[in-house]
Amino acid sequence: MDQGETPTTVARSPAYWSALGCYIGLILLMIAWMSWLSPPPPALITPLLLVFGLPLLLGLRGVLHRRRYTLQWTGMLVLAYGIHGMVAAAGEPPGRWLGLAEIALAAGYFTAGMISLRAGKRAIKAAKAQR
């Protein structure tokens, strides 16, 4: 197994770094979107920041520590953000571009995360076969 691949963590591969960049980008996009790029009415800013930001922040530690299980469940989580991006992309122009960015980041994280997880699964199976 290369670069720190274990049964509970993924390797520091280009796919992992791409996934991490997309995940952090998605967090920053959500905060910027709800705070100043296209903010909702003032009474909704805090609740929407909690709804859109908190789930991503809960998975951040596990993604930073390359935990396999966290990459799996956050991969499913970002699918909801992709759907939100599709709805926003169908709306008015300020939200349209933000929605497209959200779709790109969510799809990037999902794809890179799954590639990273799959490569690790193969490495673990190969290591078990050598024993």
Protein backbone atom coordinates (compact mmCIF):
# COMPACT_ATOMS: atom_id res chain seq x y z
CA MET A 1 0.00 0.00 0.00
CA ASP A 2 1.38 3.38 -0.96
CA GLN A 3 1.36 6.81 0.61
CA GLY A 4 -0.40 5.92 3.84
CA GLU A 5 -3.19 3.71 2.50
CA THR A 6 -4.81 1.73 5.32
CA PRO A 7 -8.15 -0.02 5.74
CA THR A 8 -9.51 3.15 7.43
CA THR A 9 -7.73 5.91 5.48
CA VAL A 10 -7.13 6.72 1.84
CA ALA A 11 -3.79 7.56 0.25
CA ARG A 12 -2.57 11.09 -0.39
CA SER A 13 -3.23 10.70 -4.10
CA PRO A 14 -4.06 13.38 -6.68
CA ALA A 15 -7.68 12.19 -6.51
CA TYR A 16 -7.74 12.78 -2.74
CA TRP A 17 -6.22 16.27 -3.09
CA SER A 18 -8.76 17.12 -5.81
CA ALA A 19 -11.59 15.91 -3.59
CA LEU A 20 -10.27 17.93 -0.65
CA GLY A 21 -10.00 21.07 -2.79
CA CYS A 22 -13.56 20.66 -4.06
CA TYR A 23 -14.88 20.03 -0.54
CA ILE A 24 -13.22 23.11 0.93
CA GLY A 25 -14.29 25.10 -2.12
CA LEU A 26 -17.89 24.00 -1.56
CA ILE A 27 -17.75 25.12 2.08
CA LEU A 28 -16.32 28.50 1.08
CA LEU A 29 -18.86 28.89 -1.72
CA MET A 30 -21.78 28.22 0.63
CA ILE A 31 -20.49 30.72 3.19
CA ALA A 32 -19.80 33.38 0.56
CA TRP A 33 -23.11 32.77 -1.23
CA MET A 34 -25.21 33.09 1.90
CA SER A 35 -23.17 35.97 3.34
CA TRP A 36 -22.45 38.42 0.55
CA LEU A 37 -22.55 37.10 -3.05
CA SER A 38 -26.33 36.65 -3.18
CA PRO A 39 -27.60 36.83 0.38
CA PRO A 40 -31.14 35.92 1.37
CA PRO A 41 -33.26 38.32 3.44
CA PRO A 42 -31.48 39.29 6.69
CA ALA A 43 -33.75 37.16 8.87
CA LEU A 44 -32.79 34.02 6.91
CA ILE A 45 -29.02 34.43 6.73
CA THR A 46 -28.17 32.61 9.98
CA PRO A 47 -30.62 29.71 9.51
CA LEU A 48 -29.49 29.17 5.92
CA LEU A 49 -25.83 29.31 6.89
CA LEU A 50 -26.56 26.60 9.46
CA VAL A 51 -28.54 24.47 6.99
CA PHE A 52 -26.02 24.76 4.17
CA GLY A 53 -22.75 25.11 6.08
CA LEU A 54 -23.06 22.91 9.16
CA PRO A 55 -23.38 19.53 7.40
CA LEU A 56 -20.24 20.26 5.38
CA LEU A 57 -18.34 21.45 8.45
CA LEU A 58 -19.26 18.25 10.32
CA GLY A 59 -17.45 16.18 7.71
CA LEU A 60 -14.43 18.46 7.31
CA ARG A 61 -12.29 16.86 10.04
CA GLY A 62 -12.74 13.37 8.66
CA VAL A 63 -12.00 14.50 5.11
CA LEU A 64 -8.85 16.30 6.28
CA HIS A 65 -7.74 13.13 8.10
CA ARG A 66 -8.45 11.04 4.97
CA ARG A 67 -10.96 8.79 6.73
CA ARG A 68 -12.52 6.34 4.31
CA TYR A 69 -15.94 6.26 6.00
CA THR A 70 -16.16 10.06 6.04
CA LEU A 71 -15.33 10.27 2.34
CA GLN A 72 -18.16 7.80 1.72
CA TRP A 73 -20.88 9.65 3.60
CA THR A 74 -19.77 13.12 2.52
CA GLY A 75 -19.83 11.82 -1.05
CA MET A 76 -23.52 11.09 -0.60
CA LEU A 77 -24.04 14.42 1.19
CA VAL A 78 -22.65 16.50 -1.68
CA LEU A 79 -25.24 14.98 -4.01
CA ALA A 80 -27.83 17.10 -2.17
CA TYR A 81 -25.68 20.17 -2.80
CA GLY A 82 -25.54 19.22 -6.48
CA ILE A 83 -29.33 19.14 -6.58
CA HIS A 84 -29.48 22.52 -4.83
CA GLY A 85 -27.05 23.83 -7.45
CA MET A 86 -29.30 22.56 -10.24
CA VAL A 87 -32.29 24.36 -8.76
CA ALA A 88 -30.24 27.56 -8.31
CA ALA A 89 -28.85 27.30 -11.86
CA ALA A 90 -32.41 27.34 -13.19
CA GLY A 91 -33.13 30.61 -11.37
CA GLU A 92 -32.15 34.24 -11.75
CA PRO A 93 -28.68 35.28 -13.03
CA PRO A 94 -26.86 35.97 -9.73
CA GLY A 95 -27.81 32.55 -8.40
CA ARG A 96 -27.38 30.90 -11.79
CA TRP A 97 -23.58 31.21 -11.80
CA LEU A 98 -23.33 30.28 -8.16
CA GLY A 99 -25.47 27.22 -8.83
CA LEU A 100 -23.23 26.16 -11.69
CA ALA A 101 -20.19 26.55 -9.43
CA GLU A 102 -21.93 24.47 -6.77
CA ILE A 103 -22.71 21.74 -9.31
CA ALA A 104 -19.09 21.68 -10.48
CA LEU A 105 -17.69 21.48 -6.95
CA ALA A 106 -20.17 18.82 -5.84
CA ALA A 107 -19.57 16.71 -8.95
CA GLY A 108 -15.81 17.19 -8.60
CA TYR A 109 -15.82 16.07 -4.98
CA PHE A 110 -18.06 13.10 -5.65
CA THR A 111 -16.00 11.90 -8.61
CA ALA A 112 -12.57 12.45 -7.06
CA GLY A 113 -13.67 10.98 -3.72
CA MET A 114 -15.06 7.85 -5.31
CA ILE A 115 -11.92 7.41 -7.45
CA SER A 116 -9.80 7.74 -4.31
CA LEU A 117 -11.95 5.24 -2.41
CA ARG A 118 -11.94 2.75 -5.27
CA ALA A 119 -8.17 2.86 -5.69
CA GLY A 120 -7.75 2.23 -1.97
CA LYS A 121 -10.14 -0.69 -2.07
CA ARG A 122 -8.04 -2.33 -4.78
CA ALA A 123 -4.82 -1.74 -2.83
CA ILE A 124 -6.28 -3.27 0.33
CA LYS A 125 -7.53 -6.35 -1.56
CA ALA A 126 -4.11 -6.81 -3.18
CA ALA A 127 -2.39 -6.55 0.22
CA LYS A 128 -4.73 -9.14 1.73
CA ALA A 129 -4.12 -11.50 -1.19
CA GLN A 130 -0.34 -11.38 -0.58
CA ARG A 131 -0.72 -12.58 3.02
